Protein backbone atom coordinates (compact mmCIF):
# COMPACT_ATOMS: atom_id res chain seq x y z
CA MET A 1 0.03 0.23 0.19
CA ALA A 2 1.67 3.56 -0.66
CA GLU A 3 2.15 6.03 1.94
CA GLU A 4 -0.12 8.85 1.86
CA LEU A 5 1.85 11.96 1.92
CA GLU A 6 0.41 15.67 3.22
CA TRP A 7 2.01 18.29 -0.04
CA GLN A 8 2.37 21.87 0.60
CA LYS A 9 2.67 24.23 -2.23
CA SER A 10 5.04 26.99 -1.74
CA SER A 11 2.79 30.15 -2.12
CA PHE A 12 5.65 31.66 -4.27
CA SER A 13 4.65 29.46 -6.98
CA GLY A 14 1.14 30.95 -7.87
CA ASN A 15 -1.79 29.72 -7.91
CA GLU A 16 -1.72 28.35 -11.44
CA GLY A 17 0.93 26.84 -14.17
CA PRO A 18 3.27 24.29 -14.12
CA ASN A 19 5.82 26.30 -11.63
CA CYS A 20 4.55 24.37 -8.55
CA VAL A 21 6.68 23.44 -5.75
CA GLU A 22 5.73 21.55 -3.33
CA VAL A 23 7.41 19.57 0.14
CA ALA A 24 5.86 17.14 2.24
CA ARG A 25 7.33 15.13 5.12
CA ARG A 26 8.57 11.71 5.53
CA GLY A 27 9.81 10.32 8.77
CA ASP A 28 12.98 12.81 9.06
CA ASP A 29 13.41 13.31 5.53
CA VAL A 30 12.11 16.42 3.77
CA LEU A 31 10.53 15.34 -0.16
CA ILE A 32 10.62 18.19 -2.70
CA ARG A 33 8.80 18.25 -5.78
CA GLU A 34 7.29 19.87 -8.87
CA SER A 35 3.47 19.45 -9.59
CA ASP A 36 3.82 18.80 -12.97
CA GLU A 37 6.40 15.95 -12.24
CA PRO A 38 4.70 13.91 -9.62
CA GLY A 39 6.29 10.81 -9.63
CA LEU A 40 9.92 13.11 -9.97
CA VAL A 41 11.15 13.36 -5.71
CA LEU A 42 13.95 14.98 -4.18
CA ALA A 43 14.75 13.70 -0.58
CA ALA A 44 16.56 15.44 1.83
CA SER A 45 17.21 15.64 5.58
CA ARG A 46 16.10 18.41 7.27
CA ALA A 47 19.62 19.61 8.10
CA GLY A 48 20.36 19.45 4.66
CA LEU A 49 17.29 21.03 3.12
CA ALA A 50 18.62 24.27 5.69
CA ALA A 51 21.58 23.96 4.82
CA PHE A 52 20.39 24.94 1.32
CA ILE A 53 18.48 27.36 2.07
CA GLU A 54 20.47 29.06 3.80
CA GLY A 55 22.51 28.98 0.53
CA ILE A 56 19.13 30.19 -1.30
CA LYS A 57 19.64 32.95 0.88
CA ALA A 58 22.89 33.88 0.63
CA GLY A 59 22.87 34.14 -3.22
CA GLU A 60 25.05 30.98 -3.84
CA PHE A 61 22.30 30.10 -6.52
CA ASP A 62 21.31 32.54 -8.15
CA ARG A 63 23.25 31.71 -11.73
CA PHE A 64 20.50 28.87 -11.92
CA ALA A 65 17.45 31.19 -11.99
CA HIS A 66 18.45 33.24 -14.56
C-alpha cells in the first residue's frame, strides 16, 4: 500500500501553471517535487535542506535562476 503524503505547495509558485514546488515530510526526510512531475521526488534531511535554503538566501545559486 502506498504511503499517503500531505504535499504543501509554495505560496511563491502562484495559483496556476506548471511551476508549483511542493514539499512533504516522510519520517526525518523532507520531500520536494514539482507538481507537473509528481513521480520525480527529491529527498533531503532536514539539516541538508536547511543548509540549502541558507545557500539560496545567500545568493549562492542565483546563476541557476536566470
